[in-house]
Amino acid sequence: MSDEIIVKDCNGARLTDGDSVTVIKDLKVKGTSETLKRGTLVKGIRLTDDPALIECNTKQVKGLVLRTEFLKKA
């Protein structure tokens, strides 16, 4: 039995470190006036201990944590 955390996107596709994902819904970024628009490509994601969250950087915001329910694998 493995303790590996399986992280999946909104369509059920498995995500791994370094994958690229696309935002499927406009998301307001807390603490900033930025909004991530639908279709924004996010490259080089990092998995966290929580299977519902990933860490990433975008052009506008560094050190962003996103919920996997709003992402699909690119």
PDB file of N, CA and C in Angstrom:
ATOM      1  N   MET A   1       0.834  -1.187   0.000  1.00  0.00           N
ATOM      2  CA  MET A   1       0.000   0.000   0.000  1.00  0.00           C
ATOM      3  C   MET A   1       0.875   1.245   0.000  1.00  0.00           C
ATOM      4  N   SER A   2       0.565   2.179  -0.832  1.00  0.00           N
ATOM      5  CA  SER A   2       1.378   3.385  -0.995  1.00  0.00           C
ATOM      6  C   SER A   2       0.723   4.580  -0.309  1.00  0.00           C
ATOM      7  N   ASP A   3       1.561   5.451   0.255  1.00  0.00           N
ATOM      8  CA  ASP A   3       1.061   6.667   0.887  1.00  0.00           C
ATOM      9  C   ASP A   3       1.058   7.833  -0.103  1.00  0.00           C
ATOM     10  N   GLU A   4       1.298   7.535  -1.368  1.00  0.00           N
ATOM     11  CA  GLU A   4       1.358   8.565  -2.404  1.00  0.00           C
ATOM     12  C   GLU A   4       0.006   9.270  -2.536  1.00  0.00           C
ATOM     13  N   ILE A   5       0.056  10.602  -2.614  1.00  0.00           N
ATOM     14  CA  ILE A   5      -1.161  11.396  -2.786  1.00  0.00           C
ATOM     15  C   ILE A   5      -1.446  11.520  -4.275  1.00  0.00           C
ATOM     16  N   ILE A   6      -2.664  11.163  -4.673  1.00  0.00           N
ATOM     17  CA  ILE A   6      -3.051  11.267  -6.080  1.00  0.00           C
ATOM     18  C   ILE A   6      -3.841  12.555  -6.260  1.00  0.00           C
ATOM     19  N   VAL A   7      -3.321  13.423  -7.140  1.00  0.00           N
ATOM     20  CA  VAL A   7      -3.951  14.723  -7.397  1.00  0.00           C
ATOM     21  C   VAL A   7      -4.584  14.680  -8.780  1.00  0.00           C
ATOM     22  N   LYS A   8      -5.868  15.076  -8.852  1.00  0.00           N
ATOM     23  CA  LYS A   8      -6.580  15.037 -10.131  1.00  0.00           C
ATOM     24  C   LYS A   8      -7.172  16.408 -10.443  1.00  0.00           C
ATOM     25  N   ASP A   9      -7.279  16.713 -11.748  1.00  0.00           N
ATOM     26  CA  ASP A   9      -7.884  17.971 -12.169  1.00  0.00           C
ATOM     27  C   ASP A   9      -9.405  17.829 -12.228  1.00  0.00           C
ATOM     28  N   CYS A  10     -10.093  18.829 -12.761  1.00  0.00           N
ATOM     29  CA  CYS A  10     -11.556  18.828 -12.795  1.00  0.00           C
ATOM     30  C   CYS A  10     -12.125  17.689 -13.634  1.00  0.00           C
ATOM     31  N   ASN A  11     -11.352  17.174 -14.595  1.00  0.00           N
ATOM     32  CA  ASN A  11     -11.824  16.094 -15.462  1.00  0.00           C
ATOM     33  C   ASN A  11     -11.366  14.723 -14.989  1.00  0.00           C
ATOM     34  N   GLY A  12     -10.622  14.681 -13.887  1.00  0.00           N
ATOM     35  CA  GLY A  12     -10.146  13.402 -13.369  1.00  0.00           C
ATOM     36  C   GLY A  12      -8.787  12.978 -13.903  1.00  0.00           C
ATOM     37  N   ALA A  13      -8.132  13.836 -14.682  1.00  0.00           N
ATOM     38  CA  ALA A  13      -6.796  13.521 -15.188  1.00  0.00           C
ATOM     39  C   ALA A  13      -5.776  13.705 -14.057  1.00  0.00           C
ATOM     40  N   ARG A  14      -4.832  12.795 -13.964  1.00  0.00           N
ATOM     41  CA  ARG A  14      -3.850  12.838 -12.888  1.00  0.00           C
ATOM     42  C   ARG A  14      -2.818  13.939 -13.144  1.00  0.00           C
ATOM     43  N   LEU A  15      -2.503  14.703 -12.102  1.00  0.00           N
ATOM     44  CA  LEU A  15      -1.517  15.781 -12.194  1.00  0.00           C
ATOM     45  C   LEU A  15      -0.242  15.375 -11.474  1.00  0.00           C
ATOM     46  N   THR A  16       0.903  15.784 -12.028  1.00  0.00           N
ATOM     47  CA  THR A  16       2.195  15.530 -11.399  1.00  0.00           C
ATOM     48  C   THR A  16       2.990  16.830 -11.341  1.00  0.00           C
ATOM     49  N   ASP A  17       4.063  16.850 -10.534  1.00  0.00           N
ATOM     50  CA  ASP A  17       4.924  18.032 -10.450  1.00  0.00           C
ATOM     51  C   ASP A  17       5.427  18.406 -11.838  1.00  0.00           C
ATOM     52  N   GLY A  18       5.387  19.702 -12.155  1.00  0.00           N
ATOM     53  CA  GLY A  18       5.911  20.190 -13.424  1.00  0.00           C
ATOM     54  C   GLY A  18       4.901  20.220 -14.551  1.00  0.00           C
ATOM     55  N   ASP A  19       3.703  19.714 -14.330  1.00  0.00           N
ATOM     56  CA  ASP A  19       2.665  19.745 -15.370  1.00  0.00           C
ATOM     57  C   ASP A  19       2.240  21.177 -15.663  1.00  0.00           C
ATOM     58  N   SER A  20       1.602  21.355 -16.812  1.00  0.00           N
ATOM     59  CA  SER A  20       0.970  22.623 -17.155  1.00  0.00           C
ATOM     60  C   SER A  20      -0.533  22.433 -17.062  1.00  0.00           C
ATOM     61  N   VAL A  21      -1.220  23.442 -16.527  1.00  0.00           N
ATOM     62  CA  VAL A  21      -2.674  23.372 -16.390  1.00  0.00           C
ATOM     63  C   VAL A  21      -3.298  24.649 -16.925  1.00  0.00           C
ATOM     64  N   THR A  22      -4.593  24.581 -17.249  1.00  0.00           N
ATOM     65  CA  THR A  22      -5.355  25.721 -17.741  1.00  0.00           C
ATOM     66  C   THR A  22      -6.463  26.026 -16.746  1.00  0.00           C
ATOM     67  N   VAL A  23      -6.672  27.314 -16.471  1.00  0.00           N
ATOM     68  CA  VAL A  23      -7.736  27.744 -15.570  1.00  0.00           C
ATOM     69  C   VAL A  23      -9.056  27.669 -16.332  1.00  0.00           C
ATOM     70  N   ILE A  24     -10.101  27.058 -15.721  1.00  0.00           N
ATOM     71  CA  ILE A  24     -11.377  26.860 -16.424  1.00  0.00           C
ATOM     72  C   ILE A  24     -12.439  27.893 -16.034  1.00  0.00           C
ATOM     73  N   LYS A  25     -12.088  28.812 -15.137  1.00  0.00           N
ATOM     74  CA  LYS A  25     -13.055  29.795 -14.651  1.00  0.00           C
ATOM     75  C   LYS A  25     -12.280  31.038 -14.219  1.00  0.00           C
ATOM     76  N   ASP A  26     -12.846  32.234 -14.422  1.00  0.00           N
ATOM     77  CA  ASP A  26     -12.199  33.449 -13.924  1.00  0.00           C
ATOM     78  C   ASP A  26     -12.087  33.364 -12.412  1.00  0.00           C
ATOM     79  N   LEU A  27     -10.869  33.577 -11.890  1.00  0.00           N
ATOM     80  CA  LEU A  27     -10.637  33.480 -10.449  1.00  0.00           C
ATOM     81  C   LEU A  27     -10.055  34.782  -9.930  1.00  0.00           C
ATOM     82  N   LYS A  28     -10.684  35.352  -8.912  1.00  0.00           N
ATOM     83  CA  LYS A  28     -10.115  36.521  -8.243  1.00  0.00           C
ATOM     84  C   LYS A  28      -9.030  36.025  -7.302  1.00  0.00           C
ATOM     85  N   VAL A  29      -7.890  36.733  -7.283  1.00  0.00           N
ATOM     86  CA  VAL A  29      -6.783  36.355  -6.417  1.00  0.00           C
ATOM     87  C   VAL A  29      -6.880  37.166  -5.134  1.00  0.00           C
ATOM     88  N   LYS A  30      -7.061  36.463  -4.012  1.00  0.00           N
ATOM     89  CA  LYS A  30      -7.194  37.152  -2.724  1.00  0.00           C
ATOM     90  C   LYS A  30      -5.933  37.939  -2.414  1.00  0.00           C
ATOM     91  N   GLY A  31      -6.103  39.127  -1.861  1.00  0.00           N
ATOM     92  CA  GLY A  31      -4.964  39.945  -1.468  1.00  0.00           C
ATOM     93  C   GLY A  31      -4.393  40.803  -2.582  1.00  0.00           C
ATOM     94  N   THR A  32      -4.929  40.667  -3.794  1.00  0.00           N
ATOM     95  CA  THR A  32      -4.475  41.486  -4.919  1.00  0.00           C
ATOM     96  C   THR A  32      -5.703  41.964  -5.700  1.00  0.00           C
ATOM     97  N   SER A  33      -5.462  42.834  -6.658  1.00  0.00           N
ATOM     98  CA  SER A  33      -6.552  43.270  -7.526  1.00  0.00           C
ATOM     99  C   SER A  33      -6.574  42.455  -8.819  1.00  0.00           C
ATOM    100  N   GLU A  34      -5.768  41.403  -8.876  1.00  0.00           N
ATOM    101  CA  GLU A  34      -5.653  40.579 -10.082  1.00  0.00           C
ATOM    102  C   GLU A  34      -6.801  39.583 -10.205  1.00  0.00           C
ATOM    103  N   THR A  35      -7.139  39.245 -11.440  1.00  0.00           N
ATOM    104  CA  THR A  35      -8.077  38.171 -11.738  1.00  0.00           C
ATOM    105  C   THR A  35      -7.413  37.262 -12.760  1.00  0.00           C
ATOM    106  N   LEU A  36      -7.346  35.961 -12.466  1.00  0.00           N
ATOM    107  CA  LEU A  36      -6.851  34.995 -13.445  1.00  0.00           C
ATOM    108  C   LEU A  36      -7.998  34.682 -14.388  1.00  0.00           C
ATOM    109  N   LYS A  37      -7.820  34.982 -15.666  1.00  0.00           N
ATOM    110  CA  LYS A  37      -8.881  34.797 -16.648  1.00  0.00           C
ATOM    111  C   LYS A  37      -8.984  33.331 -17.060  1.00  0.00           C
ATOM    112  N   ARG A  38     -10.190  32.949 -17.467  1.00  0.00           N
ATOM    113  CA  ARG A  38     -10.429  31.605 -17.984  1.00  0.00           C
ATOM    114  C   ARG A  38      -9.502  31.369 -19.180  1.00  0.00           C
ATOM    115  N   GLY A  39      -8.861  30.208 -19.223  1.00  0.00           N
ATOM    116  CA  GLY A  39      -7.948  29.884 -20.312  1.00  0.00           C
ATOM    117  C   GLY A  39      -6.502  30.221 -20.029  1.00  0.00           C
ATOM    118  N   THR A  40      -6.209  30.827 -18.871  1.00  0.00           N
ATOM    119  CA  THR A  40      -4.830  31.158 -18.516  1.00  0.00           C
ATOM    120  C   THR A  40      -4.032  29.873 -18.350  1.00  0.00           C
ATOM    121  N   LEU A  41      -2.872  29.799 -19.011  1.00  0.00           N
ATOM    122  CA  LEU A  41      -1.997  28.629 -18.904  1.00  0.00           C
ATOM    123  C   LEU A  41      -1.033  28.840 -17.744  1.00  0.00           C
ATOM    124  N   VAL A  42      -0.968  27.870 -16.859  1.00  0.00           N
ATOM    125  CA  VAL A  42      -0.052  27.899 -15.719  1.00  0.00           C
ATOM    126  C   VAL A  42       0.922  26.749 -15.900  1.00  0.00           C
ATOM    127  N   LYS A  43       2.227  27.076 -16.002  1.00  0.00           N
ATOM    128  CA  LYS A  43       3.243  26.053 -16.249  1.00  0.00           C
ATOM    129  C   LYS A  43       3.999  25.721 -14.972  1.00  0.00           C
ATOM    130  N   GLY A  44       4.490  24.499 -14.889  1.00  0.00           N
ATOM    131  CA  GLY A  44       5.382  24.098 -13.797  1.00  0.00           C
ATOM    132  C   GLY A  44       4.730  24.088 -12.433  1.00  0.00           C
ATOM    133  N   ILE A  45       3.597  23.400 -12.303  1.00  0.00           N
ATOM    134  CA  ILE A  45       2.922  23.354 -11.004  1.00  0.00           C
ATOM    135  C   ILE A  45       3.709  22.491 -10.015  1.00  0.00           C
ATOM    136  N   ARG A  46       3.461  22.736  -8.718  1.00  0.00           N
ATOM    137  CA  ARG A  46       4.052  21.924  -7.654  1.00  0.00           C
ATOM    138  C   ARG A  46       2.920  21.375  -6.800  1.00  0.00           C
ATOM    139  N   LEU A  47       2.972  20.077  -6.516  1.00  0.00           N
ATOM    140  CA  LEU A  47       1.943  19.455  -5.691  1.00  0.00           C
ATOM    141  C   LEU A  47       2.178  19.779  -4.227  1.00  0.00           C
ATOM    142  N   THR A  48       1.112  19.787  -3.439  1.00  0.00           N
ATOM    143  CA  THR A  48       1.195  20.031  -2.001  1.00  0.00           C
ATOM    144  C   THR A  48       0.752  18.769  -1.267  1.00  0.00           C
ATOM    145  N   ASP A  49       0.747  18.815   0.055  1.00  0.00           N
ATOM    146  CA  ASP A  49       0.279  17.678   0.852  1.00  0.00           C
ATOM    147  C   ASP A  49      -1.232  17.491   0.740  1.00  0.00           C
ATOM    148  N   ASP A  50      -1.934  18.544   0.312  1.00  0.00           N
ATOM    149  CA  ASP A  50      -3.392  18.489   0.163  1.00  0.00           C
ATOM    150  C   ASP A  50      -3.726  18.171  -1.296  1.00  0.00           C
ATOM    151  N   PRO A  51      -4.436  17.074  -1.572  1.00  0.00           N
ATOM    152  CA  PRO A  51      -4.735  16.712  -2.968  1.00  0.00           C
ATOM    153  C   PRO A  51      -5.665  17.693  -3.678  1.00  0.00           C
ATOM    154  N   ALA A  52      -6.286  18.635  -2.942  1.00  0.00           N
ATOM    155  CA  ALA A  52      -7.184  19.603  -3.570  1.00  0.00           C
ATOM    156  C   ALA A  52      -6.470  20.908  -3.933  1.00  0.00           C
ATOM    157  N   LEU A  53      -5.167  21.035  -3.600  1.00  0.00           N
ATOM    158  CA  LEU A  53      -4.434  22.276  -3.831  1.00  0.00           C
ATOM    159  C   LEU A  53      -3.130  22.021  -4.578  1.00  0.00           C
ATOM    160  N   ILE A  54      -2.743  22.994  -5.418  1.00  0.00           N
ATOM    161  CA  ILE A  54      -1.422  22.982  -6.056  1.00  0.00           C
ATOM    162  C   ILE A  54      -0.799  24.362  -5.879  1.00  0.00           C
ATOM    163  N   GLU A  55       0.524  24.430  -5.937  1.00  0.00           N
ATOM    164  CA  GLU A  55       1.241  25.704  -5.901  1.00  0.00           C
ATOM    165  C   GLU A  55       1.747  26.010  -7.296  1.00  0.00           C
ATOM    166  N   CYS A  56       1.792  27.307  -7.627  1.00  0.00           N
ATOM    167  CA  CYS A  56       2.268  27.701  -8.950  1.00  0.00           C
ATOM    168  C   CYS A  56       2.630  29.172  -8.954  1.00  0.00           C
ATOM    169  N   ASN A  57       3.250  29.593 -10.040  1.00  0.00           N
ATOM    170  CA  ASN A  57       3.545  30.993 -10.292  1.00  0.00           C
ATOM    171  C   ASN A  57       2.923  31.367 -11.627  1.00  0.00           C
ATOM    172  N   THR A  58       2.375  32.578 -11.702  1.00  0.00           N
ATOM    173  CA  THR A  58       1.890  33.109 -12.977  1.00  0.00           C
ATOM    174  C   THR A  58       2.663  34.386 -13.267  1.00  0.00           C
ATOM    175  N   LYS A  59       2.434  34.961 -14.419  1.00  0.00           N
ATOM    176  CA  LYS A  59       3.112  36.214 -14.754  1.00  0.00           C
ATOM    177  C   LYS A  59       2.737  37.315 -13.774  1.00  0.00           C
ATOM    178  N   GLN A  60       1.452  37.315 -13.346  1.00  0.00           N
ATOM    179  CA  GLN A  60       0.969  38.373 -12.466  1.00  0.00           C
ATOM    180  C   GLN A  60       1.290  38.114 -10.996  1.00  0.00           C
ATOM    181  N   VAL A  61       1.183  36.864 -10.542  1.00  0.00           N
ATOM    182  CA  VAL A  61       1.260  36.543  -9.119  1.00  0.00           C
ATOM    183  C   VAL A  61       2.250  35.401  -8.888  1.00  0.00           C
ATOM    184  N   LYS A  62       3.160  35.593  -7.947  1.00  0.00           N
ATOM    185  CA  LYS A  62       4.113  34.544  -7.571  1.00  0.00           C
ATOM    186  C   LYS A  62       3.633  33.866  -6.293  1.00  0.00           C
ATOM    187  N   GLY A  63       3.944  32.579  -6.148  1.00  0.00           N
ATOM    188  CA  GLY A  63       3.589  31.858  -4.935  1.00  0.00           C
ATOM    189  C   GLY A  63       2.091  31.677  -4.759  1.00  0.00           C
ATOM    190  N   LEU A  64       1.405  31.333  -5.837  1.00  0.00           N
ATOM    191  CA  LEU A  64      -0.048  31.208  -5.834  1.00  0.00           C
ATOM    192  C   LEU A  64      -0.445  29.777  -5.491  1.00  0.00           C
ATOM    193  N   VAL A  65      -1.510  29.616  -4.711  1.00  0.00           N
ATOM    194  CA  VAL A  65      -2.066  28.299  -4.417  1.00  0.00           C
ATOM    195  C   VAL A  65      -3.452  28.235  -5.043  1.00  0.00           C
ATOM    196  N   LEU A  66      -3.670  27.228  -5.897  1.00  0.00           N
ATOM    197  CA  LEU A  66      -4.946  27.097  -6.608  1.00  0.00           C
ATOM    198  C   LEU A  66      -5.617  25.777  -6.266  1.00  0.00           C
ATOM    199  N   ARG A  67      -6.944  25.774  -6.289  1.00  0.00           N
ATOM    200  CA  ARG A  67      -7.720  24.549  -6.076  1.00  0.00           C
ATOM    201  C   ARG A  67      -7.787  23.780  -7.396  1.00  0.00           C
ATOM    202  N   THR A  68      -7.614  22.465  -7.336  1.00  0.00           N
ATOM    203  CA  THR A  68      -7.593  21.643  -8.541  1.00  0.00           C
ATOM    204  C   THR A  68      -8.952  21.575  -9.233  1.00  0.00           C
ATOM    205  N   GLU A  69     -10.037  21.885  -8.529  1.00  0.00           N
ATOM    206  CA  GLU A  69     -11.366  21.849  -9.136  1.00  0.00           C
ATOM    207  C   GLU A  69     -11.536  22.922 -10.212  1.00  0.00           C
ATOM    208  N   PHE A  70     -10.655  23.937 -10.254  1.00  0.00           N
ATOM    209  CA  PHE A  70     -10.737  25.002 -11.256  1.00  0.00           C
ATOM    210  C   PHE A  70      -9.663  24.874 -12.335  1.00  0.00           C
ATOM    211  N   LEU A  71      -9.024  23.706 -12.427  1.00  0.00           N
ATOM    212  CA  LEU A  71      -7.926  23.500 -13.367  1.00  0.00           C
ATOM    213  C   LEU A  71      -8.171  22.274 -14.237  1.00  0.00           C
ATOM    214  N   LYS A  72      -7.649  22.342 -15.474  1.00  0.00           N
ATOM    215  CA  LYS A  72      -7.616  21.133 -16.293  1.00  0.00           C
ATOM    216  C   LYS A  72      -6.234  20.996 -16.887  1.00  0.00           C
ATOM    217  N   LYS A  73      -5.801  19.768 -17.063  1.00  0.00           N
ATOM    218  CA  LYS A  73      -4.459  19.497 -17.567  1.00  0.00           C
ATOM    219  C   LYS A  73      -4.349  20.003 -18.995  1.00  0.00           C
ATOM    220  N   ALA A  74      -3.244  20.683 -19.294  1.00  0.00           N
ATOM    221  CA  ALA A  74      -3.048  21.263 -20.618  1.00  0.00           C
ATOM    222  C   ALA A  74      -2.408  20.259 -21.562  1.00  0.00           C
TER     223      ALA A  74
END
